Amino acid sequence: MSGTDNKSTFAQTIKAVMWSFFGVRKRRDLEADATQLNPLYVLIAALIGAAVFVGVLILIVHAVVG
């Protein structure tokens, strides 16, 4: 296999997932993501993003309440 395939790296996948969390992806970027992103990477990046989001919310609640 050569390095010329169009698969994205994990860092590119994290970037795409984070922009999607904010809801600011362009239509052409979404279409490109559908063909280039590794579904396993998307799942892992989404779980990491969700865990970070929940962790930040818990920290904010602890700071406000305590």
PDB file of N, CA and C in Angstrom:
ATOM      1  N   MET A   1       0.837  -1.192   0.000  1.00  0.00           N
ATOM      2  CA  MET A   1       0.000   0.000   0.000  1.00  0.00           C
ATOM      3  C   MET A   1       0.874   1.244   0.000  1.00  0.00           C
ATOM      4  N   SER A   2       0.502   2.154  -0.813  1.00  0.00           N
ATOM      5  CA  SER A   2       1.266   3.395  -0.849  1.00  0.00           C
ATOM      6  C   SER A   2       0.623   4.419   0.067  1.00  0.00           C
ATOM      7  N   GLY A   3       1.334   5.485   0.352  1.00  0.00           N
ATOM      8  CA  GLY A   3       0.831   6.528   1.227  1.00  0.00           C
ATOM      9  C   GLY A   3      -0.029   7.539   0.503  1.00  0.00           C
ATOM     10  N   THR A   4      -0.489   7.199  -0.723  1.00  0.00           N
ATOM     11  CA  THR A   4      -1.248   8.157  -1.519  1.00  0.00           C
ATOM     12  C   THR A   4      -2.752   7.977  -1.407  1.00  0.00           C
ATOM     13  N   ASP A   5      -3.215   7.056  -0.563  1.00  0.00           N
ATOM     14  CA  ASP A   5      -4.661   6.897  -0.417  1.00  0.00           C
ATOM     15  C   ASP A   5      -5.239   8.110   0.311  1.00  0.00           C
ATOM     16  N   ASN A   6      -6.543   8.284   0.193  1.00  0.00           N
ATOM     17  CA  ASN A   6      -7.192   9.489   0.700  1.00  0.00           C
ATOM     18  C   ASN A   6      -7.722   9.343   2.118  1.00  0.00           C
ATOM     19  N   LYS A   7      -7.235   8.392   2.874  1.00  0.00           N
ATOM     20  CA  LYS A   7      -7.696   8.235   4.249  1.00  0.00           C
ATOM     21  C   LYS A   7      -7.120   9.333   5.132  1.00  0.00           C
ATOM     22  N   SER A   8      -7.945   9.836   6.024  1.00  0.00           N
ATOM     23  CA  SER A   8      -7.521  10.906   6.920  1.00  0.00           C
ATOM     24  C   SER A   8      -6.807  10.342   8.135  1.00  0.00           C
ATOM     25  N   THR A   9      -5.992  11.172   8.750  1.00  0.00           N
ATOM     26  CA  THR A   9      -5.310  10.780   9.973  1.00  0.00           C
ATOM     27  C   THR A   9      -6.255  10.957  11.155  1.00  0.00           C
ATOM     28  N   PHE A  10      -5.837  10.428  12.301  1.00  0.00           N
ATOM     29  CA  PHE A  10      -6.660  10.563  13.499  1.00  0.00           C
ATOM     30  C   PHE A  10      -6.798  12.028  13.901  1.00  0.00           C
ATOM     31  N   ALA A  11      -5.736  12.813  13.740  1.00  0.00           N
ATOM     32  CA  ALA A  11      -5.796  14.241  14.078  1.00  0.00           C
ATOM     33  C   ALA A  11      -6.805  14.970  13.188  1.00  0.00           C
ATOM     34  N   GLN A  12      -6.855  14.631  11.908  1.00  0.00           N
ATOM     35  CA  GLN A  12      -7.836  15.245  11.013  1.00  0.00           C
ATOM     36  C   GLN A  12      -9.250  14.829  11.403  1.00  0.00           C
ATOM     37  N   THR A  13      -9.394  13.588  11.855  1.00  0.00           N
ATOM     38  CA  THR A  13     -10.701  13.109  12.289  1.00  0.00           C
ATOM     39  C   THR A  13     -11.157  13.850  13.537  1.00  0.00           C
ATOM     40  N   ILE A  14     -10.247  14.050  14.499  1.00  0.00           N
ATOM     41  CA  ILE A  14     -10.598  14.794  15.712  1.00  0.00           C
ATOM     42  C   ILE A  14     -11.028  16.211  15.348  1.00  0.00           C
ATOM     43  N   LYS A  15     -10.305  16.842  14.446  1.00  0.00           N
ATOM     44  CA  LYS A  15     -10.651  18.197  14.012  1.00  0.00           C
ATOM     45  C   LYS A  15     -12.054  18.218  13.399  1.00  0.00           C
ATOM     46  N   ALA A  16     -12.360  17.267  12.536  1.00  0.00           N
ATOM     47  CA  ALA A  16     -13.673  17.205  11.897  1.00  0.00           C
ATOM     48  C   ALA A  16     -14.779  16.971  12.918  1.00  0.00           C
ATOM     49  N   VAL A  17     -14.534  16.087  13.880  1.00  0.00           N
ATOM     50  CA  VAL A  17     -15.547  15.794  14.901  1.00  0.00           C
ATOM     51  C   VAL A  17     -15.770  17.002  15.807  1.00  0.00           C
ATOM     52  N   MET A  18     -14.703  17.678  16.188  1.00  0.00           N
ATOM     53  CA  MET A  18     -14.854  18.862  17.051  1.00  0.00           C
ATOM     54  C   MET A  18     -15.620  19.972  16.335  1.00  0.00           C
ATOM     55  N   TRP A  19     -15.324  20.208  15.064  1.00  0.00           N
ATOM     56  CA  TRP A  19     -16.088  21.208  14.315  1.00  0.00           C
ATOM     57  C   TRP A  19     -17.548  20.777  14.197  1.00  0.00           C
ATOM     58  N   SER A  20     -17.790  19.485  14.065  1.00  0.00           N
ATOM     59  CA  SER A  20     -19.163  18.989  13.992  1.00  0.00           C
ATOM     60  C   SER A  20     -19.894  19.176  15.314  1.00  0.00           C
ATOM     61  N   PHE A  21     -19.181  19.046  16.440  1.00  0.00           N
ATOM     62  CA  PHE A  21     -19.799  19.303  17.741  1.00  0.00           C
ATOM     63  C   PHE A  21     -20.316  20.733  17.814  1.00  0.00           C
ATOM     64  N   PHE A  22     -19.572  21.661  17.225  1.00  0.00           N
ATOM     65  CA  PHE A  22     -19.990  23.063  17.217  1.00  0.00           C
ATOM     66  C   PHE A  22     -21.017  23.346  16.126  1.00  0.00           C
ATOM     67  N   GLY A  23     -21.165  22.452  15.168  1.00  0.00           N
ATOM     68  CA  GLY A  23     -22.146  22.608  14.105  1.00  0.00           C
ATOM     69  C   GLY A  23     -21.756  23.611  13.039  1.00  0.00           C
ATOM     70  N   VAL A  24     -20.469  23.760  12.776  1.00  0.00           N
ATOM     71  CA  VAL A  24     -20.030  24.766  11.818  1.00  0.00           C
ATOM     72  C   VAL A  24     -19.278  24.152  10.632  1.00  0.00           C
ATOM     73  N   ARG A  25     -19.632  22.948  10.231  1.00  0.00           N
ATOM     74  CA  ARG A  25     -18.992  22.322   9.074  1.00  0.00           C
ATOM     75  C   ARG A  25     -19.689  22.776   7.796  1.00  0.00           C
ATOM     76  N   LYS A  26     -18.925  22.953   6.733  1.00  0.00           N
ATOM     77  CA  LYS A  26     -19.486  23.296   5.433  1.00  0.00           C
ATOM     78  C   LYS A  26     -19.967  22.022   4.747  1.00  0.00           C
ATOM     79  N   ARG A  27     -20.941  22.164   3.859  1.00  0.00           N
ATOM     80  CA  ARG A  27     -21.516  21.009   3.162  1.00  0.00           C
ATOM     81  C   ARG A  27     -20.433  20.228   2.408  1.00  0.00           C
ATOM     82  N   ARG A  28     -19.553  20.930   1.702  1.00  0.00           N
ATOM     83  CA  ARG A  28     -18.526  20.214   0.932  1.00  0.00           C
ATOM     84  C   ARG A  28     -17.556  19.481   1.851  1.00  0.00           C
ATOM     85  N   ASP A  29     -17.300  20.049   3.043  1.00  0.00           N
ATOM     86  CA  ASP A  29     -16.431  19.363   4.005  1.00  0.00           C
ATOM     87  C   ASP A  29     -17.103  18.105   4.539  1.00  0.00           C
ATOM     88  N   LEU A  30     -18.410  18.185   4.769  1.00  0.00           N
ATOM     89  CA  LEU A  30     -19.142  17.007   5.244  1.00  0.00           C
ATOM     90  C   LEU A  30     -19.108  15.891   4.209  1.00  0.00           C
ATOM     91  N   GLU A  31     -19.280  16.265   2.940  1.00  0.00           N
ATOM     92  CA  GLU A  31     -19.253  15.261   1.877  1.00  0.00           C
ATOM     93  C   GLU A  31     -17.862  14.644   1.743  1.00  0.00           C
ATOM     94  N   ALA A  32     -16.828  15.459   1.886  1.00  0.00           N
ATOM     95  CA  ALA A  32     -15.459  14.932   1.826  1.00  0.00           C
ATOM     96  C   ALA A  32     -15.189  14.021   3.017  1.00  0.00           C
ATOM     97  N   ASP A  33     -15.686  14.401   4.189  1.00  0.00           N
ATOM     98  CA  ASP A  33     -15.500  13.582   5.385  1.00  0.00           C
ATOM     99  C   ASP A  33     -16.136  12.210   5.219  1.00  0.00           C
ATOM    100  N   ALA A  34     -17.298  12.167   4.581  1.00  0.00           N
ATOM    101  CA  ALA A  34     -18.008  10.902   4.415  1.00  0.00           C
ATOM    102  C   ALA A  34     -17.189   9.895   3.613  1.00  0.00           C
ATOM    103  N   THR A  35     -16.358  10.386   2.715  1.00  0.00           N
ATOM    104  CA  THR A  35     -15.569   9.470   1.894  1.00  0.00           C
ATOM    105  C   THR A  35     -14.169   9.234   2.447  1.00  0.00           C
ATOM    106  N   GLN A  36     -13.659  10.141   3.276  1.00  0.00           N
ATOM    107  CA  GLN A  36     -12.266  10.052   3.699  1.00  0.00           C
ATOM    108  C   GLN A  36     -12.058   9.584   5.134  1.00  0.00           C
ATOM    109  N   LEU A  37     -12.984   9.870   6.029  1.00  0.00           N
ATOM    110  CA  LEU A  37     -12.750   9.565   7.438  1.00  0.00           C
ATOM    111  C   LEU A  37     -12.967   8.092   7.738  1.00  0.00           C
ATOM    112  N   ASN A  38     -12.128   7.561   8.598  1.00  0.00           N
ATOM    113  CA  ASN A  38     -12.228   6.182   9.057  1.00  0.00           C
ATOM    114  C   ASN A  38     -13.330   6.128  10.121  1.00  0.00           C
ATOM    115  N   PRO A  39     -14.359   5.303   9.930  1.00  0.00           N
ATOM    116  CA  PRO A  39     -15.466   5.253  10.893  1.00  0.00           C
ATOM    117  C   PRO A  39     -15.022   4.924  12.323  1.00  0.00           C
ATOM    118  N   LEU A  40     -14.020   4.082  12.468  1.00  0.00           N
ATOM    119  CA  LEU A  40     -13.518   3.752  13.803  1.00  0.00           C
ATOM    120  C   LEU A  40     -12.906   4.988  14.452  1.00  0.00           C
ATOM    121  N   TYR A  41     -12.147   5.763  13.678  1.00  0.00           N
ATOM    122  CA  TYR A  41     -11.573   7.007  14.195  1.00  0.00           C
ATOM    123  C   TYR A  41     -12.670   7.987  14.600  1.00  0.00           C
ATOM    124  N   VAL A  42     -13.740   8.056  13.798  1.00  0.00           N
ATOM    125  CA  VAL A  42     -14.846   8.966  14.111  1.00  0.00           C
ATOM    126  C   VAL A  42     -15.489   8.562  15.431  1.00  0.00           C
ATOM    127  N   LEU A  43     -15.716   7.276  15.624  1.00  0.00           N
ATOM    128  CA  LEU A  43     -16.315   6.789  16.864  1.00  0.00           C
ATOM    129  C   LEU A  43     -15.433   7.104  18.064  1.00  0.00           C
ATOM    130  N   ILE A  44     -14.147   6.836  17.955  1.00  0.00           N
ATOM    131  CA  ILE A  44     -13.218   7.103  19.057  1.00  0.00           C
ATOM    132  C   ILE A  44     -13.146   8.594  19.352  1.00  0.00           C
ATOM    133  N   ALA A  45     -13.052   9.418  18.306  1.00  0.00           N
ATOM    134  CA  ALA A  45     -12.980  10.872  18.490  1.00  0.00           C
ATOM    135  C   ALA A  45     -14.263  11.410  19.118  1.00  0.00           C
ATOM    136  N   ALA A  46     -15.411  10.872  18.718  1.00  0.00           N
ATOM    137  CA  ALA A  46     -16.681  11.314  19.292  1.00  0.00           C
ATOM    138  C   ALA A  46     -16.775  10.942  20.771  1.00  0.00           C
ATOM    139  N   LEU A  47     -16.329   9.746  21.126  1.00  0.00           N
ATOM    140  CA  LEU A  47     -16.350   9.336  22.531  1.00  0.00           C
ATOM    141  C   LEU A  47     -15.413  10.200  23.371  1.00  0.00           C
ATOM    142  N   ILE A  48     -14.235  10.499  22.831  1.00  0.00           N
ATOM    143  CA  ILE A  48     -13.298  11.377  23.541  1.00  0.00           C
ATOM    144  C   ILE A  48     -13.904  12.765  23.704  1.00  0.00           C
ATOM    145  N   GLY A  49     -14.482  13.300  22.630  1.00  0.00           N
ATOM    146  CA  GLY A  49     -15.103  14.623  22.688  1.00  0.00           C
ATOM    147  C   GLY A  49     -16.246  14.681  23.682  1.00  0.00           C
ATOM    148  N   ALA A  50     -17.078  13.655  23.697  1.00  0.00           N
ATOM    149  CA  ALA A  50     -18.194  13.615  24.641  1.00  0.00           C
ATOM    150  C   ALA A  50     -17.690  13.520  26.078  1.00  0.00           C
ATOM    151  N   ALA A  51     -16.651  12.727  26.311  1.00  0.00           N
ATOM    152  CA  ALA A  51     -16.091  12.594  27.658  1.00  0.00           C
ATOM    153  C   ALA A  51     -15.495  13.914  28.134  1.00  0.00           C
ATOM    154  N   VAL A  52     -14.798  14.608  27.249  1.00  0.00           N
ATOM    155  CA  VAL A  52     -14.230  15.913  27.609  1.00  0.00           C
ATOM    156  C   VAL A  52     -15.347  16.904  27.904  1.00  0.00           C
ATOM    157  N   PHE A  53     -16.394  16.903  27.092  1.00  0.00           N
ATOM    158  CA  PHE A  53     -17.532  17.805  27.298  1.00  0.00           C
ATOM    159  C   PHE A  53     -18.189  17.556  28.652  1.00  0.00           C
ATOM    160  N   VAL A  54     -18.453  16.300  28.976  1.00  0.00           N
ATOM    161  CA  VAL A  54     -19.070  15.962  30.260  1.00  0.00           C
ATOM    162  C   VAL A  54     -18.136  16.331  31.409  1.00  0.00           C
ATOM    163  N   GLY A  55     -16.845  16.075  31.252  1.00  0.00           N
ATOM    164  CA  GLY A  55     -15.876  16.434  32.288  1.00  0.00           C
ATOM    165  C   GLY A  55     -15.849  17.927  32.553  1.00  0.00           C
ATOM    166  N   VAL A  56     -15.889  18.726  31.492  1.00  0.00           N
ATOM    167  CA  VAL A  56     -15.906  20.186  31.652  1.00  0.00           C
ATOM    168  C   VAL A  56     -17.186  20.628  32.352  1.00  0.00           C
ATOM    169  N   LEU A  57     -18.311  20.044  31.983  1.00  0.00           N
ATOM    170  CA  LEU A  57     -19.571  20.391  32.655  1.00  0.00           C
ATOM    171  C   LEU A  57     -19.523  20.050  34.138  1.00  0.00           C
ATOM    172  N   ILE A  58     -18.970  18.904  34.481  1.00  0.00           N
ATOM    173  CA  ILE A  58     -18.855  18.515  35.891  1.00  0.00           C
ATOM    174  C   ILE A  58     -17.957  19.488  36.639  1.00  0.00           C
ATOM    175  N   LEU A  59     -16.839  19.888  36.039  1.00  0.00           N
ATOM    176  CA  LEU A  59     -15.951  20.866  36.676  1.00  0.00           C
ATOM    177  C   LEU A  59     -16.649  22.204  36.893  1.00  0.00           C
ATOM    178  N   ILE A  60     -17.424  22.638  35.924  1.00  0.00           N
ATOM    179  CA  ILE A  60     -18.156  23.902  36.062  1.00  0.00           C
ATOM    180  C   ILE A  60     -19.172  23.810  37.190  1.00  0.00           C
ATOM    181  N   VAL A  61     -19.901  22.710  37.250  1.00  0.00           N
ATOM    182  CA  VAL A  61     -20.904  22.539  38.312  1.00  0.00           C
ATOM    183  C   VAL A  61     -20.231  22.516  39.675  1.00  0.00           C
ATOM    184  N   HIS A  62     -19.126  21.809  39.810  1.00  0.00           N
ATOM    185  CA  HIS A  62     -18.408  21.773  41.091  1.00  0.00           C
ATOM    186  C   HIS A  62     -17.897  23.156  41.483  1.00  0.00           C
ATOM    187  N   ALA A  63     -17.443  23.922  40.513  1.00  0.00           N
ATOM    188  CA  ALA A  63     -16.941  25.270  40.801  1.00  0.00           C
ATOM    189  C   ALA A  63     -18.065  26.198  41.243  1.00  0.00           C
ATOM    190  N   VAL A  64     -19.230  26.063  40.638  1.00  0.00           N
ATOM    191  CA  VAL A  64     -20.359  26.936  40.974  1.00  0.00           C
ATOM    192  C   VAL A  64     -20.987  26.531  42.299  1.00  0.00           C
ATOM    193  N   VAL A  65     -21.171  25.243  42.521  1.00  0.00           N
ATOM    194  CA  VAL A  65     -21.848  24.758  43.723  1.00  0.00           C
ATOM    195  C   VAL A  65     -20.922  24.774  44.928  1.00  0.00           C
ATOM    196  N   GLY A  66     -19.700  24.362  44.744  1.00  0.00           N
ATOM    197  CA  GLY A  66     -18.804  24.202  45.882  1.00  0.00           C
ATOM    198  C   GLY A  66     -17.965  25.396  46.061  1.00  0.00           C
TER     199      GLY A  66
END
